[in-house]
Amino acid sequence: MINGQENALLGAFFDTILQLFNAGSTGTGSTNGGGVA
C-alpha cells in the first residue's frame, strides 16, 4: 500500500526531472508521469 503510493510519487518526481532534461524534446517519455496512472 505505502510502497505503491511512494512509487507513484517517485514516478511523478523523476518524470518531472526527465521532462526538465528533455525540455527541448516534447513528448519524450511519459507526459503525465510514469508512476501516476
Protein backbone atom coordinates (compact mmCIF):
# COMPACT_ATOMS: atom_id res chain seq x y z
CA MET A 1 0.00 0.00 0.00
CA ILE A 2 2.53 2.55 1.21
CA ASN A 3 5.12 1.37 -1.30
CA GLY A 4 2.64 1.86 -4.12
CA GLN A 5 1.99 5.45 -3.11
CA GLU A 6 5.69 6.15 -2.72
CA ASN A 7 6.37 4.62 -6.14
CA ALA A 8 3.71 6.87 -7.65
CA LEU A 9 5.25 9.94 -6.04
CA LEU A 10 8.74 8.89 -7.10
CA GLY A 11 7.47 8.23 -10.62
CA ALA A 12 5.97 11.69 -10.89
CA PHE A 13 9.07 13.25 -9.32
CA PHE A 14 11.52 11.54 -11.66
CA ASP A 15 9.24 12.16 -14.63
CA THR A 16 9.26 15.87 -13.85
CA ILE A 17 13.06 15.84 -13.76
CA LEU A 18 13.16 13.91 -17.03
CA GLN A 19 10.83 16.47 -18.59
CA LEU A 20 13.16 19.24 -17.42
CA PHE A 21 16.11 17.47 -19.05
CA ASN A 22 14.07 16.74 -22.18
CA ALA A 23 12.52 20.21 -22.36
CA GLY A 24 13.71 20.54 -25.96
CA SER A 25 12.15 17.24 -26.99
CA THR A 26 8.45 17.47 -26.27
CA GLY A 27 6.69 14.12 -25.99
CA THR A 28 9.75 12.16 -24.90
CA GLY A 29 8.83 9.62 -22.25
CA SER A 30 5.55 9.71 -20.36
CA THR A 31 3.71 13.00 -20.44
CA ASN A 32 1.52 12.54 -17.37
CA GLY A 33 4.09 10.93 -15.11
CA GLY A 34 5.25 7.33 -15.19
CA GLY A 35 4.09 6.42 -11.68
CA VAL A 36 0.80 8.30 -11.78
CA ALA A 37 -1.96 6.37 -13.53
